[in-house]
Amino acid sequence: MKIKIISIFLCLMLMTVFLTTAQNVENISVKYESEGTDIILFDECEVPDWKEGNKWVYDVENIIFDFEEPDLSIHLNASINDLTFEVKTVSEHTYELTIDADISGTYKFDTYLNIVNDKINITGPVNISGRFVKTTIDGTIIYNKTDLGIKQIHIEMSGRLTVQADEQPFLDRSLSFLNVPIPVDIILDIELVTPFSIIKFPLDILTFWGLPATNFSLSGTIESPWLRVANFVNNLIRIPGVIPILAIVSQKNPDTLRDVSDVLKDILPVIDIEYFLSKYLGRNYFEIQETEPIILCLTKDNITVPARPDPFEAYNISLFGTDLGNIYYSPEAGNIIKIIGNFQEILPSVNNINAELIEYIYTP
C-alpha cells in the first residue's frame, strides 16, 4: 500500500523533471544534381550543450493525479508557479540543475491501514484531505551529459499543509480540528541505479521509443513542530498506567494504543525516510518498469508561449502520434517550451498536465 503511495508522489516529481529535457534539430535540404530533385532530410537531435547560467522558467497551470483501487484512492490537483531550472554546474560527465518553485493545490486519499506483524496490529480506514499553503520546492537534479538521463534528485519542500482526518483507526470521530496549516519540512533524495531518460538520443522526426526500466532508492527526512509535539505527547502516554486509562476513555483496545505508541516512539520526532521504509516495508528501493515504444516524434509546429511574442519552431512529441499528450520543444530555447495533455500511458494516474515556458536564458 505504502509503496503505491510513494510511487504516486514520485510521479508528481518526475512530471516536473520532464520539463528539463531538450535537443537541437535543423532541416537540411540536399540536392542531387544528377537526378534533378530536392530531397529533404532531417538532422538527428543530439544532446544540447547547456552552459552555466542557462535558465528556463515555467508556469505549470495544472497537474491532476487520480489513482483508484479497491483499497486505495489518491487525488492531487496542484499548480506550480515560476518553476525554475538553472544550470549550476557543468562537469565532464554531468549537468547539475537547481530547482525552485511555489506549489499550491489540494490533495485527498482514502485507504485501509493494515500493519500486522509479531509486535504490531493496527487496522482501519484512513480518509485524509487537505491543501498546500505557502509551500516552496527547492533542490537539484543531476543528469548525464551524454543522454540527459536523470541520475539523482534532491528535493527540499518547505511550507504548510492542512490535514483533515475524516476517518482513522484510533478514534471514532473525525479529526476536523486538525484542518489548520501545519508547518512541514521534507527532504527527499532519489538515486537511480540506471539513469532515466525521457527522450531517446539521437532523435529525429518519425522516430519512436519507450522508457527504460530502472531501480531507485529513497532517503531523506520529514520534520515538523507538530511531530515534536506528537513525540512529547506520546512520551507522556507511555508513562506506566496512562495507556489503560486512555483506552477506557477512547473505548479502544489498550494493545492497539500500545502498538501505535511503539511505532511513534520508533520514528519520531524526525522521520528518517530510509529507516522507516527499510524497517516497515523491508526496503527503501523500488522499480520503474520498462515502457513499450509508445512515444513518437511526429511533426514540427509553430508554438507561441509567454516567453516571447514570436512563435517557436517546436518539435511535437506525443503518445502514439495522438493528442492524448504532447511535449513541444524548440532548438531556439534549448528546452521544452510546452507540455500539455494526458500521460496515463507512460505515467499511470497522471490525468492532466499543462505547462509552458514564460522566461529563458539560452543561446544555441
Protein backbone atom coordinates (compact mmCIF):
# COMPACT_ATOMS: atom_id res chain seq x y z
CA MET A 1 0.00 0.00 0.00
CA LYS A 2 2.69 2.48 1.05
CA ILE A 3 4.78 1.57 -1.96
CA LYS A 4 1.89 2.68 -4.16
CA ILE A 5 1.59 5.99 -2.30
CA ILE A 6 5.29 6.64 -2.76
CA SER A 7 5.00 5.77 -6.47
CA ILE A 8 2.29 8.39 -6.97
CA PHE A 9 4.38 11.03 -5.23
CA LEU A 10 7.30 10.17 -7.49
CA CYS A 11 5.04 10.57 -10.50
CA LEU A 12 4.48 14.20 -9.42
CA MET A 13 8.19 14.82 -9.04
CA LEU A 14 9.05 13.06 -12.35
CA MET A 15 6.49 15.24 -14.24
CA THR A 16 8.22 18.37 -13.03
CA VAL A 17 11.54 16.83 -14.02
CA PHE A 18 10.27 16.26 -17.60
CA LEU A 19 10.46 20.00 -18.19
CA THR A 20 14.25 19.87 -18.31
CA THR A 21 14.83 17.76 -21.46
CA ALA A 22 15.81 19.38 -24.74
CA GLN A 23 17.58 18.94 -28.07
CA ASN A 24 18.62 20.69 -31.29
CA VAL A 25 17.06 19.92 -34.66
CA GLU A 26 17.53 21.62 -38.02
CA ASN A 27 16.23 20.88 -41.51
CA ILE A 28 18.76 20.20 -44.23
CA SER A 29 17.96 20.45 -47.91
CA VAL A 30 20.21 18.19 -50.04
CA LYS A 31 20.10 18.47 -53.83
CA TYR A 32 21.16 15.61 -56.04
CA GLU A 33 22.13 17.33 -59.32
CA SER A 34 22.28 14.13 -61.33
CA GLU A 35 18.63 13.36 -60.59
CA GLY A 36 17.41 16.95 -60.65
CA THR A 37 15.37 16.52 -57.44
CA ASP A 38 15.43 18.00 -53.95
CA ILE A 39 15.33 15.60 -51.03
CA ILE A 40 14.56 16.89 -47.55
CA LEU A 41 16.42 15.15 -44.75
CA PHE A 42 16.38 15.78 -41.02
CA ASP A 43 19.36 16.09 -38.73
CA GLU A 44 19.35 13.76 -35.78
CA CYS A 45 18.68 15.52 -32.49
CA GLU A 46 21.72 15.47 -30.25
CA VAL A 47 22.04 16.28 -26.59
CA PRO A 48 22.02 20.09 -26.04
CA ASP A 49 25.17 21.86 -24.96
CA TRP A 50 23.99 23.62 -21.81
CA LYS A 51 26.17 26.23 -20.13
CA GLU A 52 26.32 27.51 -16.57
CA GLY A 53 23.66 30.21 -16.16
CA ASN A 54 21.23 28.77 -18.71
CA LYS A 55 17.76 29.05 -17.21
CA TRP A 56 14.16 28.07 -18.03
CA VAL A 57 11.11 29.24 -16.09
CA TYR A 58 7.68 27.60 -16.43
CA ASP A 59 4.18 28.06 -15.17
CA VAL A 60 2.53 24.71 -14.52
CA GLU A 61 -1.12 25.69 -14.64
CA ASN A 62 -2.47 22.35 -13.62
CA ILE A 63 -1.35 18.84 -12.64
CA ILE A 64 -4.05 16.29 -11.85
CA PHE A 65 -3.31 12.84 -10.44
CA ASP A 66 -6.03 10.26 -9.86
CA PHE A 67 -5.32 6.75 -8.62
CA GLU A 68 -8.12 4.29 -7.88
CA GLU A 69 -8.01 0.78 -6.47
CA PRO A 70 -10.48 -1.09 -4.23
CA ASP A 71 -8.40 -0.33 -1.11
CA LEU A 72 -6.72 2.93 -2.14
CA SER A 73 -7.80 6.22 -3.70
CA ILE A 74 -5.48 9.22 -4.19
CA HIS A 75 -6.28 12.57 -5.78
CA LEU A 76 -3.98 15.55 -6.27
CA ASN A 77 -4.81 18.82 -8.01
CA ALA A 78 -1.91 21.27 -8.00
CA SER A 79 -0.39 24.25 -9.78
CA ILE A 80 3.28 25.28 -9.73
CA ASN A 81 4.25 28.93 -10.20
CA ASP A 82 7.63 30.02 -11.57
CA LEU A 83 9.07 26.53 -11.82
CA THR A 84 12.70 27.45 -12.47
CA PHE A 85 15.51 25.23 -13.73
CA GLU A 86 19.01 26.75 -13.87
CA VAL A 87 22.29 25.14 -14.86
CA LYS A 88 24.50 25.46 -11.79
CA THR A 89 27.47 23.24 -12.63
CA VAL A 90 28.80 21.65 -15.81
CA SER A 91 31.31 18.86 -15.21
CA GLU A 92 32.99 16.42 -17.57
CA HIS A 93 30.13 13.92 -17.43
CA THR A 94 27.13 15.63 -15.81
CA TYR A 95 24.92 18.71 -15.60
CA GLU A 96 23.67 19.89 -12.22
CA LEU A 97 20.49 21.99 -12.37
CA THR A 98 18.84 23.80 -9.47
CA ILE A 99 15.05 23.75 -8.99
CA ASP A 100 12.93 26.48 -7.45
CA ALA A 101 9.12 26.77 -7.38
CA ASP A 102 5.99 27.61 -5.42
CA ILE A 103 3.26 24.97 -5.26
CA SER A 104 -0.40 25.21 -4.30
CA GLY A 105 -3.37 22.89 -4.53
CA THR A 106 -5.38 20.20 -2.79
CA TYR A 107 -4.95 16.53 -2.00
CA LYS A 108 -7.10 13.65 -0.76
CA PHE A 109 -6.55 9.98 -0.17
CA ASP A 110 -8.62 7.13 1.21
CA THR A 111 -7.13 3.80 2.19
CA TYR A 112 -7.28 0.98 4.73
CA LEU A 113 -4.40 0.76 7.19
CA ASN A 114 -3.21 -2.78 7.77
CA ILE A 115 0.05 -3.05 9.72
CA VAL A 116 0.18 -6.51 11.25
CA ASN A 117 3.28 -8.33 12.42
CA ASP A 118 4.54 -10.12 15.53
CA LYS A 119 4.62 -6.84 17.51
CA ILE A 120 2.05 -4.50 15.92
CA ASN A 121 -1.59 -4.86 14.94
CA ILE A 122 -3.11 -1.66 13.51
CA THR A 123 -6.04 -1.85 11.08
CA GLY A 124 -8.80 0.52 10.00
CA PRO A 125 -9.86 3.09 7.38
CA VAL A 126 -7.88 6.28 6.82
CA ASN A 127 -9.51 9.15 4.90
CA ILE A 128 -7.44 12.33 4.81
CA SER A 129 -7.76 15.54 2.80
CA GLY A 130 -6.12 18.96 2.82
CA ARG A 131 -4.34 21.65 0.85
CA PHE A 132 -0.90 23.13 0.29
CA VAL A 133 -0.43 26.58 1.86
CA LYS A 134 2.62 28.78 1.10
CA THR A 135 4.70 25.80 0.07
CA THR A 136 8.03 26.07 -1.79
CA ILE A 137 10.20 23.49 -3.52
CA ASP A 138 13.98 23.76 -3.90
CA GLY A 139 16.54 21.22 -4.97
CA THR A 140 18.88 19.89 -7.61
CA ILE A 141 18.82 17.37 -10.46
CA ILE A 142 21.92 15.67 -11.86
CA TYR A 143 21.88 14.48 -15.49
CA ASN A 144 24.23 12.51 -17.71
CA LYS A 145 25.62 14.83 -20.36
CA THR A 146 25.56 12.09 -22.99
CA ASP A 147 21.83 11.33 -22.92
CA LEU A 148 20.26 13.65 -20.28
CA GLY A 149 19.48 10.59 -18.19
CA ILE A 150 18.44 11.55 -14.66
CA LYS A 151 20.91 10.21 -12.08
CA GLN A 152 19.99 11.94 -8.82
CA ILE A 153 17.20 14.17 -7.49
CA HIS A 154 17.39 16.20 -4.29
CA ILE A 155 14.14 17.92 -3.23
CA GLU A 156 13.56 20.23 -0.25
CA MET A 157 9.89 21.04 0.33
CA SER A 158 9.01 23.63 2.94
CA GLY A 159 5.68 25.20 3.82
CA ARG A 160 2.35 24.45 5.40
CA LEU A 161 -0.17 21.69 4.81
CA THR A 162 -3.69 21.40 6.16
CA VAL A 163 -4.83 17.97 7.28
CA GLN A 164 -8.37 16.79 7.95
CA ALA A 165 -8.79 13.17 9.01
CA ASP A 166 -12.41 12.21 8.35
CA GLU A 167 -11.70 8.61 9.32
CA GLN A 168 -8.81 6.94 11.14
CA PRO A 169 -8.41 3.75 13.18
CA PHE A 170 -7.62 5.43 16.50
CA LEU A 171 -10.71 7.48 17.44
CA ASP A 172 -14.37 7.00 16.48
CA ARG A 173 -14.78 10.55 15.19
CA SER A 174 -13.47 12.98 12.62
CA LEU A 175 -10.31 14.90 13.43
CA SER A 176 -11.56 18.03 11.67
CA PHE A 177 -9.88 20.24 14.28
CA LEU A 178 -6.56 19.36 12.60
CA ASN A 179 -7.63 21.26 9.47
CA VAL A 180 -5.23 24.13 10.16
CA PRO A 181 -1.93 24.91 8.40
CA ILE A 182 0.83 22.67 9.76
CA PRO A 183 4.46 23.67 9.09
CA VAL A 184 6.39 20.84 7.42
CA ASP A 185 9.93 20.47 6.05
CA ILE A 186 10.60 17.48 3.79
CA ILE A 187 13.94 16.46 2.30
CA LEU A 188 13.79 13.73 -0.30
CA ASP A 189 16.78 12.15 -2.07
CA ILE A 190 16.26 9.85 -5.04
CA GLU A 191 19.16 7.96 -6.58
CA LEU A 192 18.68 5.94 -9.76
CA VAL A 193 20.78 2.85 -10.46
CA THR A 194 20.30 3.29 -14.20
CA PRO A 195 19.92 6.92 -15.39
CA PHE A 196 16.35 7.54 -16.53
CA SER A 197 15.93 9.24 -19.93
CA ILE A 198 12.61 10.59 -21.16
CA ILE A 199 13.88 11.28 -24.69
CA LYS A 200 15.98 8.77 -26.56
CA PHE A 201 19.03 10.16 -28.34
CA PRO A 202 19.69 10.62 -31.20
CA LEU A 203 16.20 11.82 -32.07
CA ASP A 204 14.60 12.53 -35.43
CA ILE A 205 11.13 13.07 -36.85
CA LEU A 206 9.22 9.81 -37.35
CA THR A 207 11.15 8.02 -34.60
CA PHE A 208 9.53 6.36 -31.60
CA TRP A 209 10.73 4.82 -28.36
CA GLY A 210 9.76 3.57 -24.91
CA LEU A 211 11.02 4.41 -21.45
CA PRO A 212 13.81 2.37 -19.82
CA ALA A 213 13.49 0.26 -16.71
CA THR A 214 15.45 1.32 -13.65
CA ASN A 215 15.65 0.97 -9.87
CA PHE A 216 15.78 3.89 -7.47
CA SER A 217 16.34 4.36 -3.75
CA LEU A 218 14.65 6.82 -1.39
CA SER A 219 16.09 8.60 1.62
CA GLY A 220 15.62 11.89 3.45
CA THR A 221 13.76 13.32 6.43
CA ILE A 222 10.38 14.75 7.46
CA GLU A 223 10.37 17.42 10.19
CA SER A 224 7.61 19.49 11.78
CA PRO A 225 6.97 21.19 15.13
CA TRP A 226 3.79 19.11 15.22
CA LEU A 227 5.85 15.91 15.05
CA ARG A 228 7.84 17.12 18.05
CA VAL A 229 4.60 17.84 19.90
CA ALA A 230 3.34 14.37 18.94
CA ASN A 231 6.58 12.89 20.28
CA PHE A 232 6.18 14.78 23.57
CA VAL A 233 2.55 13.64 23.95
CA ASN A 234 3.50 10.09 23.08
CA ASN A 235 6.18 10.09 25.77
CA LEU A 236 3.53 11.18 28.30
CA ILE A 237 1.21 8.39 27.12
CA ARG A 238 3.97 5.85 27.73
CA ILE A 239 4.13 6.68 31.43
CA PRO A 240 3.02 3.50 33.25
CA GLY A 241 -0.74 3.43 33.82
CA VAL A 242 -1.68 6.07 31.23
CA ILE A 243 -2.48 3.77 28.29
CA PRO A 244 -5.09 1.71 30.22
CA ILE A 245 -6.86 4.94 31.25
CA LEU A 246 -6.71 6.31 27.69
CA ALA A 247 -8.11 3.00 26.38
CA ILE A 248 -11.14 3.31 28.67
CA VAL A 249 -11.75 6.95 27.65
CA SER A 250 -11.38 6.26 23.92
CA GLN A 251 -13.02 2.82 24.09
CA LYS A 252 -10.05 1.35 22.27
CA ASN A 253 -8.10 -1.82 22.89
CA PRO A 254 -5.06 -0.94 25.04
CA ASP A 255 -2.92 -3.28 22.95
CA THR A 256 -3.80 -1.25 19.85
CA LEU A 257 -2.87 2.02 21.57
CA ARG A 258 0.36 0.48 22.78
CA ASP A 259 1.16 -0.66 19.22
CA VAL A 260 0.61 2.87 17.89
CA SER A 261 2.74 4.31 20.69
CA ASP A 262 5.57 1.89 19.90
CA VAL A 263 5.60 2.95 16.24
CA LEU A 264 5.57 6.65 17.13
CA LYS A 265 8.42 6.21 19.62
CA ASP A 266 10.42 4.44 16.95
CA ILE A 267 10.03 7.06 14.18
CA LEU A 268 9.60 10.42 16.00
CA PRO A 269 10.45 13.28 16.36
CA VAL A 270 12.25 13.42 12.97
CA ILE A 271 11.14 10.78 10.48
CA ASP A 272 14.09 9.15 8.72
CA ILE A 273 12.60 8.04 5.39
CA GLU A 274 15.23 5.40 4.62
CA TYR A 275 14.97 3.88 8.10
CA PHE A 276 11.16 3.89 8.05
CA LEU A 277 10.94 2.23 4.64
CA SER A 278 13.64 -0.33 5.41
CA LYS A 279 12.13 -1.34 8.74
CA TYR A 280 8.39 -1.22 7.99
CA LEU A 281 8.41 -2.11 4.28
CA GLY A 282 11.58 -4.18 4.19
CA ARG A 283 13.34 -1.99 1.61
CA ASN A 284 13.93 1.59 0.51
CA TYR A 285 14.41 0.85 -3.18
CA PHE A 286 11.75 0.49 -5.87
CA GLU A 287 11.38 -0.29 -9.56
CA ILE A 288 10.25 1.64 -12.63
CA GLN A 289 9.03 -0.82 -15.21
CA GLU A 290 10.09 -0.57 -18.83
CA THR A 291 7.52 1.07 -21.12
CA GLU A 292 6.86 -0.27 -24.61
CA PRO A 293 7.62 2.04 -27.59
CA ILE A 294 4.64 4.40 -27.44
CA ILE A 295 6.33 7.82 -27.66
CA LEU A 296 6.57 9.35 -31.13
CA CYS A 297 8.21 12.46 -32.57
CA LEU A 298 5.87 13.13 -35.49
CA THR A 299 5.84 16.77 -36.65
CA LYS A 300 7.31 20.22 -36.24
CA ASP A 301 4.88 23.02 -35.27
CA ASN A 302 4.92 26.76 -34.64
CA ILE A 303 4.12 27.23 -30.96
CA THR A 304 3.59 30.54 -29.12
CA VAL A 305 4.28 30.74 -25.38
CA PRO A 306 4.64 33.68 -22.95
CA ALA A 307 8.46 33.52 -23.10
CA ARG A 308 8.39 35.70 -26.25
CA PRO A 309 5.83 37.16 -28.67
CA ASP A 310 7.12 35.35 -31.77
CA PRO A 311 6.32 31.64 -32.14
CA PHE A 312 8.97 28.99 -31.62
CA GLU A 313 9.53 26.30 -34.23
CA ALA A 314 8.99 23.32 -31.95
CA TYR A 315 9.09 19.57 -32.32
CA ASN A 316 5.99 17.69 -31.26
CA ILE A 317 6.45 14.55 -29.13
CA SER A 318 3.26 12.66 -28.45
CA LEU A 319 1.83 9.31 -27.39
CA PHE A 320 1.19 7.10 -30.40
CA GLY A 321 1.14 10.29 -32.51
CA THR A 322 -2.20 11.32 -30.94
CA ASP A 323 -3.28 14.38 -28.98
CA LEU A 324 -3.57 12.49 -25.69
CA GLY A 325 -0.39 14.18 -24.51
CA ASN A 326 2.09 16.45 -26.27
CA ILE A 327 5.55 17.79 -25.43
CA TYR A 328 6.83 20.67 -27.57
CA TYR A 329 10.50 21.63 -27.56
CA SER A 330 12.44 24.21 -29.53
CA PRO A 331 16.13 24.34 -30.52
CA GLU A 332 15.99 28.13 -30.08
CA ALA A 333 15.02 27.79 -26.43
CA GLY A 334 17.27 24.79 -25.86
CA ASN A 335 14.49 23.10 -23.94
CA ILE A 336 10.84 22.12 -23.81
CA ILE A 337 8.55 25.11 -24.26
CA LYS A 338 5.17 23.50 -23.66
CA ILE A 339 3.71 20.29 -22.24
CA ILE A 340 0.02 19.51 -22.27
CA GLY A 341 -2.33 16.57 -22.04
CA ASN A 342 -2.93 13.15 -20.53
CA PHE A 343 0.08 10.91 -19.85
CA GLN A 344 -1.56 7.88 -18.26
CA GLU A 345 0.04 5.56 -20.81
CA ILE A 346 3.57 6.29 -19.57
CA LEU A 347 2.83 7.60 -16.05
CA PRO A 348 -0.27 5.92 -14.61
CA SER A 349 -2.72 8.27 -12.90
CA VAL A 350 -1.35 11.46 -14.47
CA ASN A 351 -4.66 12.59 -15.88
CA ASN A 352 -3.65 16.04 -16.96
CA ILE A 353 -0.73 18.48 -17.05
CA ASN A 354 -0.47 21.94 -18.61
CA ALA A 355 2.81 23.86 -18.53
CA GLU A 356 4.52 26.47 -20.71
CA LEU A 357 7.73 28.45 -20.84
CA ILE A 358 7.47 32.01 -19.51
CA GLU A 359 11.16 33.01 -19.42
CA TYR A 360 14.50 31.64 -20.56
CA ILE A 361 18.22 32.37 -20.94
CA TYR A 362 19.83 30.28 -23.65
CA THR A 363 21.87 30.80 -26.81
CA PRO A 364 22.04 27.90 -29.29
